[in-house]
Amino acid sequence: TGESAPVIREAGGDRSAVTAGTRVLSD
């Protein structure tokens, strides 16, 4: 996305999708 701020991804709900090539910063 070019966006520097990290985002939260979690199981369930509408924030669960992840894309190949992105990096996990925590947990």
PDB file of all heavy atoms in Angstrom:
ATOM      1  N   THR A   1       0.800  -1.226   0.000  1.00  0.00           N
ATOM      2  CA  THR A   1       0.000   0.000   0.000  1.00  0.00           C
ATOM      3  C   THR A   1       0.826   1.267   0.000  1.00  0.00           C
ATOM      4  O   THR A   1       0.310   2.340  -0.309  1.00  0.00           O
ATOM      5  CB  THR A   1      -0.913   0.047   1.242  1.00  0.00           C
ATOM      6  OG1 THR A   1      -0.095   0.192   2.414  1.00  0.00           O
ATOM      7  CG2 THR A   1      -1.725  -1.225   1.363  1.00  0.00           C
ATOM      8  N   GLY A   2       2.115   1.177   0.369  1.00  0.00           N
ATOM      9  CA  GLY A   2       2.918   2.374   0.496  1.00  0.00           C
ATOM     10  C   GLY A   2       2.682   3.103   1.807  1.00  0.00           C
ATOM     11  O   GLY A   2       3.298   4.124   2.083  1.00  0.00           O
ATOM     12  N   GLU A   3       1.800   2.571   2.655  1.00  0.00           N
ATOM     13  CA  GLU A   3       1.468   3.204   3.928  1.00  0.00           C
ATOM     14  C   GLU A   3       2.441   2.728   4.991  1.00  0.00           C
ATOM     15  O   GLU A   3       2.633   1.536   5.185  1.00  0.00           O
ATOM     16  CB  GLU A   3       0.036   2.830   4.323  1.00  0.00           C
ATOM     17  CG  GLU A   3      -0.528   3.656   5.451  1.00  0.00           C
ATOM     18  CD  GLU A   3      -0.788   5.081   5.047  1.00  0.00           C
ATOM     19  OE1 GLU A   3      -1.525   5.298   4.082  1.00  0.00           O
ATOM     20  OE2 GLU A   3      -0.234   5.978   5.706  1.00  0.00           O
ATOM     21  N   SER A   4       3.093   3.676   5.663  1.00  0.00           N
ATOM     22  CA  SER A   4       4.132   3.291   6.618  1.00  0.00           C
ATOM     23  C   SER A   4       3.564   2.774   7.933  1.00  0.00           C
ATOM     24  O   SER A   4       4.207   1.997   8.628  1.00  0.00           O
ATOM     25  CB  SER A   4       5.045   4.490   6.898  1.00  0.00           C
ATOM     26  OG  SER A   4       4.289   5.584   7.397  1.00  0.00           O
ATOM     27  N   ALA A   5       2.379   3.205   8.323  1.00  0.00           N
ATOM     28  CA  ALA A   5       1.806   2.796   9.608  1.00  0.00           C
ATOM     29  C   ALA A   5       1.371   1.334   9.549  1.00  0.00           C
ATOM     30  O   ALA A   5       0.689   0.917   8.608  1.00  0.00           O
ATOM     31  CB  ALA A   5       0.613   3.676   9.952  1.00  0.00           C
ATOM     32  N   PRO A   6       1.756   0.520  10.536  1.00  0.00           N
ATOM     33  CA  PRO A   6       1.319  -0.882  10.543  1.00  0.00           C
ATOM     34  C   PRO A   6      -0.169  -0.995  10.832  1.00  0.00           C
ATOM     35  O   PRO A   6      -0.791  -0.076  11.356  1.00  0.00           O
ATOM     36  CB  PRO A   6       2.151  -1.496  11.675  1.00  0.00           C
ATOM     37  CG  PRO A   6       2.480  -0.347  12.568  1.00  0.00           C
ATOM     38  CD  PRO A   6       2.612   0.851  11.681  1.00  0.00           C
ATOM     39  N   VAL A   7      -0.735  -2.142  10.483  1.00  0.00           N
ATOM     40  CA  VAL A   7      -2.162  -2.385  10.697  1.00  0.00           C
ATOM     41  C   VAL A   7      -2.322  -3.644  11.536  1.00  0.00           C
ATOM     42  O   VAL A   7      -1.419  -4.478  11.617  1.00  0.00           O
ATOM     43  CB  VAL A   7      -2.909  -2.541   9.358  1.00  0.00           C
ATOM     44  CG1 VAL A   7      -2.875  -1.249   8.570  1.00  0.00           C
ATOM     45  CG2 VAL A   7      -2.303  -3.673   8.523  1.00  0.00           C
ATOM     46  N   ILE A   8      -3.470  -3.762  12.165  1.00  0.00           N
ATOM     47  CA  ILE A   8      -3.763  -4.925  13.011  1.00  0.00           C
ATOM     48  C   ILE A   8      -4.556  -5.938  12.200  1.00  0.00           C
ATOM     49  O   ILE A   8      -5.552  -5.599  11.549  1.00  0.00           O
ATOM     50  CB  ILE A   8      -4.552  -4.517  14.262  1.00  0.00           C
ATOM     51  CG1 ILE A   8      -3.745  -3.507  15.095  1.00  0.00           C
ATOM     52  CG2 ILE A   8      -4.897  -5.743  15.099  1.00  0.00           C
ATOM     53  CD1 ILE A   8      -2.423  -4.043  15.591  1.00  0.00           C
ATOM     54  N   ARG A   9      -4.116  -7.176  12.245  1.00  0.00           N
ATOM     55  CA  ARG A   9      -4.848  -8.270  11.602  1.00  0.00           C
ATOM     56  C   ARG A   9      -5.167  -9.296  12.683  1.00  0.00           C
ATOM     57  O   ARG A   9      -4.289  -9.690  13.460  1.00  0.00           O
ATOM     58  CB  ARG A   9      -4.005  -8.911  10.500  1.00  0.00           C
ATOM     59  CG  ARG A   9      -3.759  -7.979   9.329  1.00  0.00           C
ATOM     60  CD  ARG A   9      -5.039  -7.750   8.558  1.00  0.00           C
ATOM     61  NE  ARG A   9      -4.857  -6.777   7.494  1.00  0.00           N
ATOM     62  CZ  ARG A   9      -5.155  -5.498   7.600  1.00  0.00           C
ATOM     63  NH1 ARG A   9      -5.636  -5.045   8.748  1.00  0.00           N
ATOM     64  NH2 ARG A   9      -4.988  -4.676   6.609  1.00  0.00           N
ATOM     65  N   GLU A  10      -6.425  -9.740  12.721  1.00  0.00           N
ATOM     66  CA  GLU A  10      -6.847 -10.657  13.777  1.00  0.00           C
ATOM     67  C   GLU A  10      -7.883 -11.631  13.248  1.00  0.00           C
ATOM     68  O   GLU A  10      -8.545 -11.374  12.235  1.00  0.00           O
ATOM     69  CB  GLU A  10      -7.421  -9.881  14.959  1.00  0.00           C
ATOM     70  CG  GLU A  10      -8.583  -8.973  14.603  1.00  0.00           C
ATOM     71  CD  GLU A  10      -9.015  -8.110  15.776  1.00  0.00           C
ATOM     72  OE1 GLU A  10      -8.797  -8.527  16.914  1.00  0.00           O
ATOM     73  OE2 GLU A  10      -9.567  -7.030  15.530  1.00  0.00           O
ATOM     74  N   ALA A  11      -8.001 -12.751  13.938  1.00  0.00           N
ATOM     75  CA  ALA A  11      -8.944 -13.779  13.528  1.00  0.00           C
ATOM     76  C   ALA A  11     -10.370 -13.291  13.750  1.00  0.00           C
ATOM     77  O   ALA A  11     -10.668 -12.596  14.720  1.00  0.00           O
ATOM     78  CB  ALA A  11      -8.696 -15.058  14.329  1.00  0.00           C
ATOM     79  N   GLY A  12     -11.248 -13.666  12.827  1.00  0.00           N
ATOM     80  CA  GLY A  12     -12.649 -13.281  12.940  1.00  0.00           C
ATOM     81  C   GLY A  12     -12.862 -11.841  12.543  1.00  0.00           C
ATOM     82  O   GLY A  12     -11.937 -11.050  12.438  1.00  0.00           O
ATOM     83  N   GLY A  13     -14.095 -11.467  12.301  1.00  0.00           N
ATOM     84  CA  GLY A  13     -14.413 -10.086  11.967  1.00  0.00           C
ATOM     85  C   GLY A  13     -13.976  -9.717  10.563  1.00  0.00           C
ATOM     86  O   GLY A  13     -13.753 -10.568   9.698  1.00  0.00           O
ATOM     87  N   ASP A  14     -13.839  -8.401  10.356  1.00  0.00           N
ATOM     88  CA  ASP A  14     -13.572  -7.882   9.024  1.00  0.00           C
ATOM     89  C   ASP A  14     -12.129  -7.443   8.829  1.00  0.00           C
ATOM     90  O   ASP A  14     -11.812  -6.742   7.882  1.00  0.00           O
ATOM     91  CB  ASP A  14     -14.502  -6.683   8.737  1.00  0.00           C
ATOM     92  CG  ASP A  14     -15.967  -7.094   8.699  1.00  0.00           C
ATOM     93  OD1 ASP A  14     -16.219  -8.295   8.482  1.00  0.00           O
ATOM     94  OD2 ASP A  14     -16.835  -6.224   8.887  1.00  0.00           O
ATOM     95  N   ARG A  15     -11.225  -7.809   9.744  1.00  0.00           N
ATOM     96  CA  ARG A  15      -9.823  -7.418   9.631  1.00  0.00           C
ATOM     97  C   ARG A  15      -8.932  -8.652   9.623  1.00  0.00           C
ATOM     98  O   ARG A  15      -7.871  -8.673  10.242  1.00  0.00           O
ATOM     99  CB  ARG A  15      -9.435  -6.501  10.798  1.00  0.00           C
ATOM    100  CG  ARG A  15     -10.257  -5.237  10.894  1.00  0.00           C
ATOM    101  CD  ARG A  15      -9.829  -4.210   9.879  1.00  0.00           C
ATOM    102  NE  ARG A  15     -10.697  -3.053   9.847  1.00  0.00           N
ATOM    103  CZ  ARG A  15     -10.473  -1.974   9.128  1.00  0.00           C
ATOM    104  NH1 ARG A  15      -9.403  -1.922   8.360  1.00  0.00           N
ATOM    105  NH2 ARG A  15     -11.309  -0.954   9.123  1.00  0.00           N
ATOM    106  N   SER A  16      -9.383  -9.672   8.916  1.00  0.00           N
ATOM    107  CA  SER A  16      -8.657 -10.944   8.967  1.00  0.00           C
ATOM    108  C   SER A  16      -7.835 -11.220   7.715  1.00  0.00           C
ATOM    109  O   SER A  16      -6.978 -12.095   7.726  1.00  0.00           O
ATOM    110  CB  SER A  16      -9.651 -12.099   9.167  1.00  0.00           C
ATOM    111  OG  SER A  16     -10.581 -12.146   8.097  1.00  0.00           O
ATOM    112  N   ALA A  17      -8.058 -10.489   6.631  1.00  0.00           N
ATOM    113  CA  ALA A  17      -7.375 -10.790   5.368  1.00  0.00           C
ATOM    114  C   ALA A  17      -5.932 -10.302   5.398  1.00  0.00           C
ATOM    115  O   ALA A  17      -5.639  -9.202   5.873  1.00  0.00           O
ATOM    116  CB  ALA A  17      -8.123 -10.148   4.205  1.00  0.00           C
ATOM    117  N   VAL A  18      -5.012 -11.126   4.895  1.00  0.00           N
ATOM    118  CA  VAL A  18      -3.603 -10.762   4.787  1.00  0.00           C
ATOM    119  C   VAL A  18      -3.135 -11.049   3.367  1.00  0.00           C
ATOM    120  O   VAL A  18      -3.703 -11.886   2.666  1.00  0.00           O
ATOM    121  CB  VAL A  18      -2.735 -11.532   5.803  1.00  0.00           C
ATOM    122  CG1 VAL A  18      -3.016 -11.069   7.214  1.00  0.00           C
ATOM    123  CG2 VAL A  18      -2.959 -13.040   5.687  1.00  0.00           C
ATOM    124  N   THR A  19      -2.074 -10.344   2.956  1.00  0.00           N
ATOM    125  CA  THR A  19      -1.585 -10.422   1.580  1.00  0.00           C
ATOM    126  C   THR A  19      -0.144 -10.898   1.568  1.00  0.00           C
ATOM    127  O   THR A  19       0.660 -10.506   2.422  1.00  0.00           O
ATOM    128  CB  THR A  19      -1.683  -9.045   0.899  1.00  0.00           C
ATOM    129  OG1 THR A  19      -3.031  -8.581   0.985  1.00  0.00           O
ATOM    130  CG2 THR A  19      -1.280  -9.125  -0.560  1.00  0.00           C
ATOM    131  N   ALA A  20       0.194 -11.725   0.587  1.00  0.00           N
ATOM    132  CA  ALA A  20       1.552 -12.242   0.458  1.00  0.00           C
ATOM    133  C   ALA A  20       2.551 -11.099   0.333  1.00  0.00           C
ATOM    134  O   ALA A  20       2.300 -10.097  -0.329  1.00  0.00           O
ATOM    135  CB  ALA A  20       1.644 -13.146  -0.768  1.00  0.00           C
ATOM    136  N   GLY A  21       3.720 -11.261   0.975  1.00  0.00           N
ATOM    137  CA  GLY A  21       4.775 -10.266   0.873  1.00  0.00           C
ATOM    138  C   GLY A  21       4.757  -9.219   1.959  1.00  0.00           C
ATOM    139  O   GLY A  21       5.682  -8.416   2.051  1.00  0.00           O
ATOM    140  N   THR A  22       3.710  -9.199   2.797  1.00  0.00           N
ATOM    141  CA  THR A  22       3.670  -8.246   3.910  1.00  0.00           C
ATOM    142  C   THR A  22       4.321  -8.880   5.137  1.00  0.00           C
ATOM    143  O   THR A  22       4.354 -10.101   5.278  1.00  0.00           O
ATOM    144  CB  THR A  22       2.227  -7.822   4.220  1.00  0.00           C
ATOM    145  OG1 THR A  22       1.430  -8.980   4.516  1.00  0.00           O
ATOM    146  CG2 THR A  22       1.608  -7.120   3.026  1.00  0.00           C
ATOM    147  N   ARG A  23       4.839  -8.037   6.044  1.00  0.00           N
ATOM    148  CA  ARG A  23       5.658  -8.543   7.145  1.00  0.00           C
ATOM    149  C   ARG A  23       4.947  -8.390   8.489  1.00  0.00           C
ATOM    150  O   ARG A  23       4.382  -7.337   8.789  1.00  0.00           O
ATOM    151  CB  ARG A  23       6.991  -7.806   7.196  1.00  0.00           C
ATOM    152  CG  ARG A  23       7.985  -8.380   8.195  1.00  0.00           C
ATOM    153  CD  ARG A  23       9.311  -7.631   8.155  1.00  0.00           C
ATOM    154  NE  ARG A  23       9.957  -7.738   6.863  1.00  0.00           N
ATOM    155  CZ  ARG A  23      10.727  -8.761   6.482  1.00  0.00           C
ATOM    156  NH1 ARG A  23      10.925  -9.779   7.321  1.00  0.00           N
ATOM    157  NH2 ARG A  23      11.287  -8.774   5.297  1.00  0.00           N
ATOM    158  N   VAL A  24       4.996  -9.453   9.290  1.00  0.00           N
ATOM    159  CA  VAL A  24       4.443  -9.428  10.641  1.00  0.00           C
ATOM    160  C   VAL A  24       5.450  -8.751  11.565  1.00  0.00           C
ATOM    161  O   VAL A  24       6.617  -9.138  11.625  1.00  0.00           O
ATOM    162  CB  VAL A  24       4.135 -10.858  11.136  1.00  0.00           C
ATOM    163  CG1 VAL A  24       3.730 -10.843  12.597  1.00  0.00           C
ATOM    164  CG2 VAL A  24       3.023 -11.472  10.295  1.00  0.00           C
ATOM    165  N   LEU A  25       4.996  -7.729  12.290  1.00  0.00           N
ATOM    166  CA  LEU A  25       5.879  -6.955  13.159  1.00  0.00           C
ATOM    167  C   LEU A  25       5.833  -7.409  14.610  1.00  0.00           C
ATOM    168  O   LEU A  25       6.768  -7.148  15.371  1.00  0.00           O
ATOM    169  CB  LEU A  25       5.518  -5.467  13.077  1.00  0.00           C
ATOM    170  CG  LEU A  25       5.633  -4.815  11.696  1.00  0.00           C
ATOM    171  CD1 LEU A  25       5.236  -3.354  11.781  1.00  0.00           C
ATOM    172  CD2 LEU A  25       7.048  -4.956  11.143  1.00  0.00           C
ATOM    173  N   SER A  26       4.730  -8.042  15.006  1.00  0.00           N
ATOM    174  CA  SER A  26       4.628  -8.466  16.405  1.00  0.00           C
ATOM    175  C   SER A  26       3.706  -9.666  16.520  1.00  0.00           C
ATOM    176  O   SER A  26       2.844  -9.875  15.663  1.00  0.00           O
ATOM    177  CB  SER A  26       4.095  -7.320  17.275  1.00  0.00           C
ATOM    178  OG  SER A  26       2.739  -7.036  16.941  1.00  0.00           O
ATOM    179  N   ASP A  27       3.911 -10.448  17.558  1.00  0.00           N
ATOM    180  CA  ASP A  27       3.040 -11.587  17.893  1.00  0.00           C
ATOM    181  C   ASP A  27       3.117 -12.684  16.837  1.00  0.00           C
ATOM    182  O   ASP A  27       3.981 -12.684  15.970  1.00  0.00           O
ATOM    183  CB  ASP A  27       1.602 -11.098  18.101  1.00  0.00           C
ATOM    184  CG  ASP A  27       1.522 -10.019  19.162  1.00  0.00           C
ATOM    185  OD1 ASP A  27       1.793 -10.328  20.323  1.00  0.00           O
ATOM    186  OD2 ASP A  27       1.214  -8.862  18.815  1.00  0.00           O
TER     187      ASP A  27
END
